[in-house]
């Protein structure tokens, strides 16, 4: 583990502490306002983070419970992609986990490949769904230039230690006019904004709600502005930006926690500050 010294999004060496938790810290860039985890994890440390326990215990409701809800959510994502790429083609899903999205995409005419860092999750996708999934990091795969028609990253880019490096590699392996589609949690979502206010007003005494917005598994915490900048500064034009909320039933929280998420989902939609944002971008310049 090493300390982060510069902003991955704008490159500035101008980071300052924003939040301090027992497990990790969060830094903010004074130049572009991106937030990031203070610690940078190497491959061995990441392997421990994304062990079988991550999928089967910490995130069990997301990966293995309420599968019909997740299928519907992924179908909505495919429906968003379809108008931009009606003839389908080669699709790469980064951070494909157990392969649910890949399975749906394949059924609807895409020729699919997945990349997954977790050996456990990749094995589920390969052995149970018979999908083509490569284990490791995107940069380990050495895909040829201009190979894919679309690259998807669902709740993945915030887990990367260097999101800008990932986006640049995605651009390299996309064909001219190729699509990138990704989503992640929004730092300025209504629920998270209130959690951060509680942290600041109490001098960090009320930290648990804010920690939920800054899990150690995430390396970066994007706002609507910084998320768009990540694509626009790396050779993509944004075709579509859409806010959404995480279904409360898929969140690994107790009954009260799920009720709170459901309540704020309604309020967030009313004020346009949903918990997540999806971006679809097109490769430009070729």
C-alpha atoms as a PDB file:
ATOM      1  CA  UNK A   1       0.000   0.000   0.000  1.00  0.00           C
ATOM      2  CA  UNK A   2       1.203   3.490  -0.807  1.00  0.00           C
ATOM      3  CA  UNK A   3      -0.175   6.973  -0.365  1.00  0.00           C
ATOM      4  CA  UNK A   4      -1.821   8.747  -3.303  1.00  0.00           C
ATOM      5  CA  UNK A   5       0.204  11.808  -4.305  1.00  0.00           C
ATOM      6  CA  UNK A   6      -1.652  13.284  -7.295  1.00  0.00           C
ATOM      7  CA  UNK A   7      -5.119  13.475  -8.816  1.00  0.00           C
ATOM      8  CA  UNK A   8      -5.711  10.761 -11.393  1.00  0.00           C
ATOM      9  CA  UNK A   9      -8.318  12.838 -13.224  1.00  0.00           C
ATOM     10  CA  UNK A  10      -6.492  16.155 -13.786  1.00  0.00           C
ATOM     11  CA  UNK A  11      -2.943  15.195 -12.774  1.00  0.00           C
ATOM     12  CA  UNK A  12      -2.558  17.947 -10.188  1.00  0.00           C
ATOM     13  CA  UNK A  13      -0.352  17.356  -7.168  1.00  0.00           C
ATOM     14  CA  UNK A  14      -2.787  19.287  -4.987  1.00  0.00           C
ATOM     15  CA  UNK A  15      -4.664  16.870  -2.729  1.00  0.00           C
ATOM     16  CA  UNK A  16      -5.962  17.658   0.745  1.00  0.00           C
ATOM     17  CA  UNK A  17      -7.643  15.454   3.403  1.00  0.00           C
ATOM     18  CA  UNK A  18     -11.446  15.538   3.390  1.00  0.00           C
ATOM     19  CA  UNK A  19     -12.589  12.535   5.461  1.00  0.00           C
ATOM     20  CA  UNK A  20     -10.782  10.269   7.884  1.00  0.00           C
ATOM     21  CA  UNK A  21     -12.141   6.823   8.752  1.00  0.00           C
ATOM     22  CA  UNK A  22     -10.593   3.999  10.758  1.00  0.00           C
ATOM     23  CA  UNK A  23     -10.087   1.922   7.609  1.00  0.00           C
ATOM     24  CA  UNK A  24      -8.935   4.613   5.157  1.00  0.00           C
ATOM     25  CA  UNK A  25      -8.915   8.291   4.302  1.00  0.00           C
ATOM     26  CA  UNK A  26     -10.442  10.357   1.502  1.00  0.00           C
ATOM     27  CA  UNK A  27      -8.600  13.164  -0.285  1.00  0.00           C
ATOM     28  CA  UNK A  28      -9.960  15.979  -2.427  1.00  0.00           C
ATOM     29  CA  UNK A  29      -8.290  17.620  -5.410  1.00  0.00           C
ATOM     30  CA  UNK A  30      -8.217  21.410  -5.075  1.00  0.00           C
ATOM     31  CA  UNK A  31      -8.026  21.792  -8.856  1.00  0.00           C
ATOM     32  CA  UNK A  32     -10.893  19.614 -10.156  1.00  0.00           C
ATOM     33  CA  UNK A  33     -12.778  18.654  -6.955  1.00  0.00           C
ATOM     34  CA  UNK A  34     -12.406  14.909  -7.523  1.00  0.00           C
ATOM     35  CA  UNK A  35     -12.422  12.812  -4.341  1.00  0.00           C
ATOM     36  CA  UNK A  36     -10.239   9.723  -4.026  1.00  0.00           C
ATOM     37  CA  UNK A  37      -9.106   7.188  -1.465  1.00  0.00           C
ATOM     38  CA  UNK A  38      -5.865   8.289   0.175  1.00  0.00           C
ATOM     39  CA  UNK A  39      -4.345   4.833  -0.118  1.00  0.00           C
ATOM     40  CA  UNK A  40      -3.417   3.112  -3.398  1.00  0.00           C
ATOM     41  CA  UNK A  41      -3.676  -0.680  -3.276  1.00  0.00           C
ATOM     42  CA  UNK A  42      -1.466  -3.048  -5.241  1.00  0.00           C
ATOM     43  CA  UNK A  43      -2.695  -6.214  -6.990  1.00  0.00           C
ATOM     44  CA  UNK A  44      -2.209  -8.419  -3.933  1.00  0.00           C
ATOM     45  CA  UNK A  45      -4.161  -6.059  -1.695  1.00  0.00           C
ATOM     46  CA  UNK A  46      -6.944  -5.797  -4.289  1.00  0.00           C
ATOM     47  CA  UNK A  47      -7.154  -9.592  -4.463  1.00  0.00           C
ATOM     48  CA  UNK A  48      -7.854  -9.649  -0.735  1.00  0.00           C
ATOM     49  CA  UNK A  49     -10.492  -6.930  -1.106  1.00  0.00           C
ATOM     50  CA  UNK A  50     -12.351  -8.873  -3.805  1.00  0.00           C
ATOM     51  CA  UNK A  51     -12.242 -12.305  -2.264  1.00  0.00           C
ATOM     52  CA  UNK A  52     -15.199 -14.684  -2.129  1.00  0.00           C
ATOM     53  CA  UNK A  53     -16.330 -12.890   1.042  1.00  0.00           C
ATOM     54  CA  UNK A  54     -16.888  -9.639  -0.880  1.00  0.00           C
ATOM     55  CA  UNK A  55     -19.404 -11.299  -3.203  1.00  0.00           C
ATOM     56  CA  UNK A  56     -21.005 -13.778  -0.809  1.00  0.00           C
ATOM     57  CA  UNK A  57     -21.111 -11.759   2.430  1.00  0.00           C
ATOM     58  CA  UNK A  58     -20.496  -8.027   2.029  1.00  0.00           C
ATOM     59  CA  UNK A  59     -22.441  -7.692  -1.239  1.00  0.00           C
ATOM     60  CA  UNK A  60     -24.574 -10.831  -1.167  1.00  0.00           C
ATOM     61  CA  UNK A  61     -27.850  -8.965  -1.748  1.00  0.00           C
ATOM     62  CA  UNK A  62     -26.397  -7.277  -4.827  1.00  0.00           C
ATOM     63  CA  UNK A  63     -24.875 -10.345  -6.474  1.00  0.00           C
ATOM     64  CA  UNK A  64     -26.962 -13.320  -5.347  1.00  0.00           C
ATOM     65  CA  UNK A  65     -30.301 -12.091  -3.982  1.00  0.00           C
ATOM     66  CA  UNK A  66     -33.175 -10.600  -5.980  1.00  0.00           C
ATOM     67  CA  UNK A  67     -31.697 -11.692  -9.287  1.00  0.00           C
ATOM     68  CA  UNK A  68     -34.910 -10.772 -11.196  1.00  0.00           C
ATOM     69  CA  UNK A  69     -34.485  -7.148 -10.021  1.00  0.00           C
ATOM     70  CA  UNK A  70     -30.907  -7.052 -11.252  1.00  0.00           C
ATOM     71  CA  UNK A  71     -31.911  -8.600 -14.573  1.00  0.00           C
ATOM     72  CA  UNK A  72     -34.473  -5.853 -15.071  1.00  0.00           C
ATOM     73  CA  UNK A  73     -31.877  -3.202 -14.187  1.00  0.00           C
ATOM     74  CA  UNK A  74     -29.406  -4.644 -16.699  1.00  0.00           C
ATOM     75  CA  UNK A  75     -32.126  -4.890 -19.318  1.00  0.00           C
ATOM     76  CA  UNK A  76     -32.786  -1.165 -18.931  1.00  0.00           C
ATOM     77  CA  UNK A  77     -29.090  -0.555 -19.571  1.00  0.00           C
ATOM     78  CA  UNK A  78     -29.176  -2.693 -22.711  1.00  0.00           C
ATOM     79  CA  UNK A  79     -32.271  -0.800 -23.849  1.00  0.00           C
ATOM     80  CA  UNK A  80     -30.316   2.451 -23.471  1.00  0.00           C
ATOM     81  CA  UNK A  81     -27.445   1.099 -25.562  1.00  0.00           C
ATOM     82  CA  UNK A  82     -29.627  -0.286 -28.348  1.00  0.00           C
ATOM     83  CA  UNK A  83     -30.526   2.994 -30.138  1.00  0.00           C
ATOM     84  CA  UNK A  84     -26.843   3.953 -30.307  1.00  0.00           C
ATOM     85  CA  UNK A  85     -25.753   0.536 -31.645  1.00  0.00           C
ATOM     86  CA  UNK A  86     -28.741  -1.226 -33.272  1.00  0.00           C
ATOM     87  CA  UNK A  87     -26.580  -3.782 -35.112  1.00  0.00           C
ATOM     88  CA  UNK A  88     -24.897  -4.941 -31.876  1.00  0.00           C
ATOM     89  CA  UNK A  89     -21.316  -6.215 -32.404  1.00  0.00           C
ATOM     90  CA  UNK A  90     -18.393  -7.007 -30.082  1.00  0.00           C
ATOM     91  CA  UNK A  91     -19.041  -6.016 -26.464  1.00  0.00           C
ATOM     92  CA  UNK A  92     -16.548  -6.032 -23.603  1.00  0.00           C
ATOM     93  CA  UNK A  93     -17.841  -5.828 -20.032  1.00  0.00           C
ATOM     94  CA  UNK A  94     -15.192  -4.735 -17.528  1.00  0.00           C
ATOM     95  CA  UNK A  95     -15.714  -5.853 -13.945  1.00  0.00           C
ATOM     96  CA  UNK A  96     -18.298  -8.329 -15.188  1.00  0.00           C
ATOM     97  CA  UNK A  97     -18.485 -10.096 -11.791  1.00  0.00           C
ATOM     98  CA  UNK A  98     -20.609 -13.262 -12.062  1.00  0.00           C
ATOM     99  CA  UNK A  99     -21.633 -12.498 -15.644  1.00  0.00           C
ATOM    100  CA  UNK A 100     -25.309 -11.583 -15.351  1.00  0.00           C
ATOM    101  CA  UNK A 101     -25.093  -8.601 -17.723  1.00  0.00           C
ATOM    102  CA  UNK A 102     -22.940 -10.550 -20.188  1.00  0.00           C
ATOM    103  CA  UNK A 103     -25.483 -13.352 -20.221  1.00  0.00           C
ATOM    104  CA  UNK A 104     -28.326 -10.969 -21.093  1.00  0.00           C
ATOM    105  CA  UNK A 105     -26.259  -9.132 -23.720  1.00  0.00           C
ATOM    106  CA  UNK A 106     -25.308 -12.401 -25.389  1.00  0.00           C
ATOM    107  CA  UNK A 107     -28.936 -13.497 -25.528  1.00  0.00           C
ATOM    108  CA  UNK A 108     -29.757 -10.252 -27.348  1.00  0.00           C
ATOM    109  CA  UNK A 109     -27.211 -10.590 -30.115  1.00  0.00           C
ATOM    110  CA  UNK A 110     -23.988  -9.134 -28.744  1.00  0.00           C
ATOM    111  CA  UNK A 111     -20.749 -11.114 -29.095  1.00  0.00           C
ATOM    112  CA  UNK A 112     -19.500 -10.825 -25.543  1.00  0.00           C
ATOM    113  CA  UNK A 113     -16.255 -10.919 -23.585  1.00  0.00           C
ATOM    114  CA  UNK A 114     -15.810 -10.146 -19.913  1.00  0.00           C
ATOM    115  CA  UNK A 115     -12.870  -9.135 -17.750  1.00  0.00           C
ATOM    116  CA  UNK A 116     -13.063  -9.712 -14.008  1.00  0.00           C
ATOM    117  CA  UNK A 117     -10.380  -9.189 -11.368  1.00  0.00           C
ATOM    118  CA  UNK A 118     -11.876 -11.640  -8.859  1.00  0.00           C
ATOM    119  CA  UNK A 119     -11.013 -15.258  -9.560  1.00  0.00           C
ATOM    120  CA  UNK A 120     -14.062 -16.350  -7.576  1.00  0.00           C
ATOM    121  CA  UNK A 121     -16.570 -14.228  -9.538  1.00  0.00           C
ATOM    122  CA  UNK A 122     -14.968 -15.078 -12.883  1.00  0.00           C
ATOM    123  CA  UNK A 123     -15.249 -18.799 -12.070  1.00  0.00           C
ATOM    124  CA  UNK A 124     -18.986 -18.406 -11.477  1.00  0.00           C
ATOM    125  CA  UNK A 125     -19.387 -16.691 -14.872  1.00  0.00           C
ATOM    126  CA  UNK A 126     -17.264 -19.295 -16.663  1.00  0.00           C
ATOM    127  CA  UNK A 127     -18.409 -22.501 -14.965  1.00  0.00           C
ATOM    128  CA  UNK A 128     -22.092 -21.750 -14.384  1.00  0.00           C
ATOM    129  CA  UNK A 129     -22.886 -19.522 -17.381  1.00  0.00           C
ATOM    130  CA  UNK A 130     -20.253 -20.758 -19.894  1.00  0.00           C
ATOM    131  CA  UNK A 131     -19.218 -17.206 -20.715  1.00  0.00           C
ATOM    132  CA  UNK A 132     -15.911 -15.977 -22.134  1.00  0.00           C
ATOM    133  CA  UNK A 133     -14.392 -14.189 -19.139  1.00  0.00           C
ATOM    134  CA  UNK A 134     -10.733 -13.308 -18.692  1.00  0.00           C
ATOM    135  CA  UNK A 135      -9.314 -13.040 -15.189  1.00  0.00           C
ATOM    136  CA  UNK A 136      -7.267 -10.007 -14.233  1.00  0.00           C
ATOM    137  CA  UNK A 137      -7.053  -6.298 -14.953  1.00  0.00           C
ATOM    138  CA  UNK A 138      -7.910  -4.692 -18.308  1.00  0.00           C
ATOM    139  CA  UNK A 139      -4.269  -3.762 -18.900  1.00  0.00           C
ATOM    140  CA  UNK A 140      -3.244  -7.402 -18.431  1.00  0.00           C
ATOM    141  CA  UNK A 141      -5.260  -8.525 -21.470  1.00  0.00           C
ATOM    142  CA  UNK A 142      -3.390  -6.686 -24.271  1.00  0.00           C
ATOM    143  CA  UNK A 143      -6.395  -6.477 -26.561  1.00  0.00           C
ATOM    144  CA  UNK A 144      -5.631  -5.291 -30.117  1.00  0.00           C
ATOM    145  CA  UNK A 145      -6.381  -1.739 -31.224  1.00  0.00           C
ATOM    146  CA  UNK A 146      -9.924  -0.973 -32.433  1.00  0.00           C
ATOM    147  CA  UNK A 147     -11.264  -4.395 -31.473  1.00  0.00           C
ATOM    148  CA  UNK A 148     -14.610  -3.720 -29.736  1.00  0.00           C
ATOM    149  CA  UNK A 149     -17.804  -1.916 -30.699  1.00  0.00           C
ATOM    150  CA  UNK A 150     -18.857  -1.224 -27.112  1.00  0.00           C
ATOM    151  CA  UNK A 151     -17.279  -1.372 -23.664  1.00  0.00           C
ATOM    152  CA  UNK A 152     -19.434  -1.387 -20.531  1.00  0.00           C
ATOM    153  CA  UNK A 153     -18.427  -0.745 -16.925  1.00  0.00           C
ATOM    154  CA  UNK A 154     -21.292  -1.124 -14.460  1.00  0.00           C
ATOM    155  CA  UNK A 155     -20.274   0.054 -10.978  1.00  0.00           C
ATOM    156  CA  UNK A 156     -16.682  -0.637 -11.943  1.00  0.00           C
ATOM    157  CA  UNK A 157     -14.798   2.579 -12.759  1.00  0.00           C
ATOM    158  CA  UNK A 158     -14.871   3.788  -9.144  1.00  0.00           C
ATOM    159  CA  UNK A 159     -13.087   0.576  -8.123  1.00  0.00           C
ATOM    160  CA  UNK A 160     -10.126   1.223 -10.437  1.00  0.00           C
ATOM    161  CA  UNK A 161      -7.011   2.674  -8.851  1.00  0.00           C
ATOM    162  CA  UNK A 162      -6.513   4.760 -12.021  1.00  0.00           C
ATOM    163  CA  UNK A 163      -9.806   5.545 -13.785  1.00  0.00           C
ATOM    164  CA  UNK A 164      -8.083   7.749 -16.380  1.00  0.00           C
ATOM    165  CA  UNK A 165      -5.753   4.920 -17.375  1.00  0.00           C
ATOM    166  CA  UNK A 166      -8.744   2.618 -17.815  1.00  0.00           C
ATOM    167  CA  UNK A 167     -10.648   5.148 -19.955  1.00  0.00           C
ATOM    168  CA  UNK A 168      -7.629   5.756 -22.183  1.00  0.00           C
ATOM    169  CA  UNK A 169      -7.180   2.005 -22.680  1.00  0.00           C
ATOM    170  CA  UNK A 170     -10.889   1.649 -23.442  1.00  0.00           C
ATOM    171  CA  UNK A 171     -10.552   4.324 -26.114  1.00  0.00           C
ATOM    172  CA  UNK A 172      -7.602   2.477 -27.668  1.00  0.00           C
ATOM    173  CA  UNK A 173      -9.462  -0.822 -27.999  1.00  0.00           C
ATOM    174  CA  UNK A 174     -12.711   0.717 -29.302  1.00  0.00           C
ATOM    175  CA  UNK A 175     -13.382   0.946 -33.013  1.00  0.00           C
ATOM    176  CA  UNK A 176     -13.980   4.434 -34.466  1.00  0.00           C
ATOM    177  CA  UNK A 177     -17.335   5.645 -33.178  1.00  0.00           C
ATOM    178  CA  UNK A 178     -17.381   2.895 -30.560  1.00  0.00           C
ATOM    179  CA  UNK A 179     -19.424   3.250 -27.384  1.00  0.00           C
ATOM    180  CA  UNK A 180     -18.513   3.328 -23.730  1.00  0.00           C
ATOM    181  CA  UNK A 181     -21.267   2.980 -21.129  1.00  0.00           C
ATOM    182  CA  UNK A 182     -20.684   3.183 -17.398  1.00  0.00           C
ATOM    183  CA  UNK A 183     -22.333   4.125 -14.152  1.00  0.00           C
ATOM    184  CA  UNK A 184     -21.327   4.786 -10.580  1.00  0.00           C
ATOM    185  CA  UNK A 185     -22.525   6.359  -7.339  1.00  0.00           C
ATOM    186  CA  UNK A 186     -22.706  10.145  -7.202  1.00  0.00           C
ATOM    187  CA  UNK A 187     -20.905  11.987  -4.427  1.00  0.00           C
ATOM    188  CA  UNK A 188     -23.481  14.788  -4.692  1.00  0.00           C
ATOM    189  CA  UNK A 189     -26.534  12.505  -4.486  1.00  0.00           C
ATOM    190  CA  UNK A 190     -29.103  13.718  -1.970  1.00  0.00           C
ATOM    191  CA  UNK A 191     -28.596  10.882   0.518  1.00  0.00           C
ATOM    192  CA  UNK A 192     -24.805  11.099   0.406  1.00  0.00           C
ATOM    193  CA  UNK A 193     -24.832  14.895   0.676  1.00  0.00           C
ATOM    194  CA  UNK A 194     -26.774  14.662   3.934  1.00  0.00           C
ATOM    195  CA  UNK A 195     -24.406  11.973   5.206  1.00  0.00           C
ATOM    196  CA  UNK A 196     -21.397  14.182   4.460  1.00  0.00           C
ATOM    197  CA  UNK A 197     -23.060  17.159   6.154  1.00  0.00           C
ATOM    198  CA  UNK A 198     -23.534  15.082   9.312  1.00  0.00           C
ATOM    199  CA  UNK A 199     -19.834  14.156   9.237  1.00  0.00           C
ATOM    200  CA  UNK A 200     -18.700  17.757   8.879  1.00  0.00           C
ATOM    201  CA  UNK A 201     -21.131  19.275  11.369  1.00  0.00           C
ATOM    202  CA  UNK A 202     -20.072  16.789  14.065  1.00  0.00           C
ATOM    203  CA  UNK A 203     -16.359  16.934  13.306  1.00  0.00           C
ATOM    204  CA  UNK A 204     -16.395  13.310  12.174  1.00  0.00           C
ATOM    205  CA  UNK A 205     -18.254  11.960  15.214  1.00  0.00           C
ATOM    206  CA  UNK A 206     -21.120  10.813  12.975  1.00  0.00           C
ATOM    207  CA  UNK A 207     -19.062   9.000  10.370  1.00  0.00           C
ATOM    208  CA  UNK A 208     -20.930   5.781   9.570  1.00  0.00           C
ATOM    209  CA  UNK A 209     -23.399   7.249   7.023  1.00  0.00           C
ATOM    210  CA  UNK A 210     -20.579   9.042   5.201  1.00  0.00           C
ATOM    211  CA  UNK A 211     -18.458   5.892   5.229  1.00  0.00           C
ATOM    212  CA  UNK A 212     -21.262   4.107   3.354  1.00  0.00           C
ATOM    213  CA  UNK A 213     -20.705   6.639   0.556  1.00  0.00           C
ATOM    214  CA  UNK A 214     -16.918   6.155   0.710  1.00  0.00           C
ATOM    215  CA  UNK A 215     -16.392   2.375   0.959  1.00  0.00           C
ATOM    216  CA  UNK A 216     -12.808   1.205   1.019  1.00  0.00           C
ATOM    217  CA  UNK A 217     -13.445  -0.854  -2.120  1.00  0.00           C
ATOM    218  CA  UNK A 218     -13.919   2.361  -4.119  1.00  0.00           C
ATOM    219  CA  UNK A 219     -10.827   4.328  -5.094  1.00  0.00           C
ATOM    220  CA  UNK A 220     -12.671   7.363  -6.469  1.00  0.00           C
ATOM    221  CA  UNK A 221     -15.903   9.119  -5.552  1.00  0.00           C
ATOM    222  CA  UNK A 222     -17.373  11.057  -8.484  1.00  0.00           C
ATOM    223  CA  UNK A 223     -19.839  13.912  -8.699  1.00  0.00           C
ATOM    224  CA  UNK A 224     -21.963  14.608 -11.763  1.00  0.00           C
ATOM    225  CA  UNK A 225     -19.368  17.119 -12.930  1.00  0.00           C
ATOM    226  CA  UNK A 226     -16.219  15.046 -12.359  1.00  0.00           C
ATOM    227  CA  UNK A 227     -17.812  11.903 -13.809  1.00  0.00           C
ATOM    228  CA  UNK A 228     -18.582  13.663 -17.081  1.00  0.00           C
ATOM    229  CA  UNK A 229     -15.115  15.227 -17.116  1.00  0.00           C
ATOM    230  CA  UNK A 230     -13.517  11.780 -16.954  1.00  0.00           C
ATOM    231  CA  UNK A 231     -15.002  10.916 -20.361  1.00  0.00           C
ATOM    232  CA  UNK A 232     -14.801  14.310 -22.013  1.00  0.00           C
ATOM    233  CA  UNK A 233     -11.110  14.788 -21.183  1.00  0.00           C
ATOM    234  CA  UNK A 234     -10.180  11.410 -22.654  1.00  0.00           C
ATOM    235  CA  UNK A 235     -11.581  11.526 -26.167  1.00  0.00           C
ATOM    236  CA  UNK A 236     -15.305  10.852 -25.797  1.00  0.00           C
ATOM    237  CA  UNK A 237     -18.435  12.843 -26.498  1.00  0.00           C
ATOM    238  CA  UNK A 238     -21.327  12.191 -24.134  1.00  0.00           C
ATOM    239  CA  UNK A 239     -24.436  10.954 -25.903  1.00  0.00           C
ATOM    240  CA  UNK A 240     -26.599  10.307 -22.881  1.00  0.00           C
ATOM    241  CA  UNK A 241     -26.527  11.032 -19.143  1.00  0.00           C
ATOM    242  CA  UNK A 242     -29.192   9.463 -16.982  1.00  0.00           C
ATOM    243  CA  UNK A 243     -29.706   9.457 -13.217  1.00  0.00           C
ATOM    244  CA  UNK A 244     -30.998   6.396 -11.384  1.00  0.00           C
ATOM    245  CA  UNK A 245     -31.391   4.982  -7.903  1.00  0.00           C
ATOM    246  CA  UNK A 246     -30.156   1.675  -6.554  1.00  0.00           C
ATOM    247  CA  UNK A 247     -33.081  -0.593  -5.754  1.00  0.00           C
ATOM    248  CA  UNK A 248     -33.318  -0.822  -1.957  1.00  0.00           C
ATOM    249  CA  UNK A 249     -33.887  -4.585  -2.138  1.00  0.00           C
ATOM    250  CA  UNK A 250     -30.396  -5.122  -3.600  1.00  0.00           C
ATOM    251  CA  UNK A 251     -28.583  -3.177  -0.855  1.00  0.00           C
ATOM    252  CA  UNK A 252     -26.905  -5.279   1.844  1.00  0.00           C
ATOM    253  CA  UNK A 253     -28.440  -3.398   4.772  1.00  0.00           C
ATOM    254  CA  UNK A 254     -30.945  -4.261   7.479  1.00  0.00           C
ATOM    255  CA  UNK A 255     -34.673  -3.556   7.248  1.00  0.00           C
ATOM    256  CA  UNK A 256     -34.333   0.015   8.528  1.00  0.00           C
ATOM    257  CA  UNK A 257     -31.438   0.733   6.185  1.00  0.00           C
ATOM    258  CA  UNK A 258     -33.392  -0.543   3.186  1.00  0.00           C
ATOM    259  CA  UNK A 259     -36.384   1.592   4.208  1.00  0.00           C
ATOM    260  CA  UNK A 260     -34.185   4.703   4.426  1.00  0.00           C
ATOM    261  CA  UNK A 261     -32.721   4.010   0.969  1.00  0.00           C
ATOM    262  CA  UNK A 262     -36.218   3.531  -0.495  1.00  0.00           C
ATOM    263  CA  UNK A 263     -37.404   6.816   1.043  1.00  0.00           C
ATOM    264  CA  UNK A 264     -34.457   8.777  -0.268  1.00  0.00           C
ATOM    265  CA  UNK A 265     -34.853   7.199  -3.682  1.00  0.00           C
ATOM    266  CA  UNK A 266     -38.216   8.931  -3.941  1.00  0.00           C
ATOM    267  CA  UNK A 267     -36.879  12.262  -2.674  1.00  0.00           C
ATOM    268  CA  UNK A 268     -33.776  12.058  -4.884  1.00  0.00           C
ATOM    269  CA  UNK A 269     -35.863  11.553  -8.003  1.00  0.00           C
ATOM    270  CA  UNK A 270     -38.010  14.548  -7.140  1.00  0.00           C
ATOM    271  CA  UNK A 271     -35.023  16.892  -6.836  1.00  0.00           C
ATOM    272  CA  UNK A 272     -32.865  15.375  -9.612  1.00  0.00           C
ATOM    273  CA  UNK A 273     -30.065  14.191  -7.336  1.00  0.00           C
ATOM    274  CA  UNK A 274     -30.275  10.435  -7.809  1.00  0.00           C
ATOM    275  CA  UNK A 275     -27.812   8.049  -6.227  1.00  0.00           C
ATOM    276  CA  UNK A 276     -26.229   6.930  -9.505  1.00  0.00           C
ATOM    277  CA  UNK A 277     -25.527   8.321 -12.958  1.00  0.00           C
ATOM    278  CA  UNK A 278     -25.123   6.406 -16.206  1.00  0.00           C
ATOM    279  CA  UNK A 279     -23.124   7.894 -19.063  1.00  0.00           C
ATOM    280  CA  UNK A 280     -22.998   6.678 -22.648  1.00  0.00           C
ATOM    281  CA  UNK A 281     -20.181   8.143 -24.695  1.00  0.00           C
ATOM    282  CA  UNK A 282     -18.871   7.812 -28.238  1.00  0.00           C
ATOM    283  CA  UNK A 283     -15.212   7.681 -29.206  1.00  0.00           C
ATOM    284  CA  UNK A 284     -14.219  10.803 -31.144  1.00  0.00           C
ATOM    285  CA  UNK A 285     -11.229  11.925 -33.170  1.00  0.00           C
ATOM    286  CA  UNK A 286     -10.962   9.030 -35.647  1.00  0.00           C
END
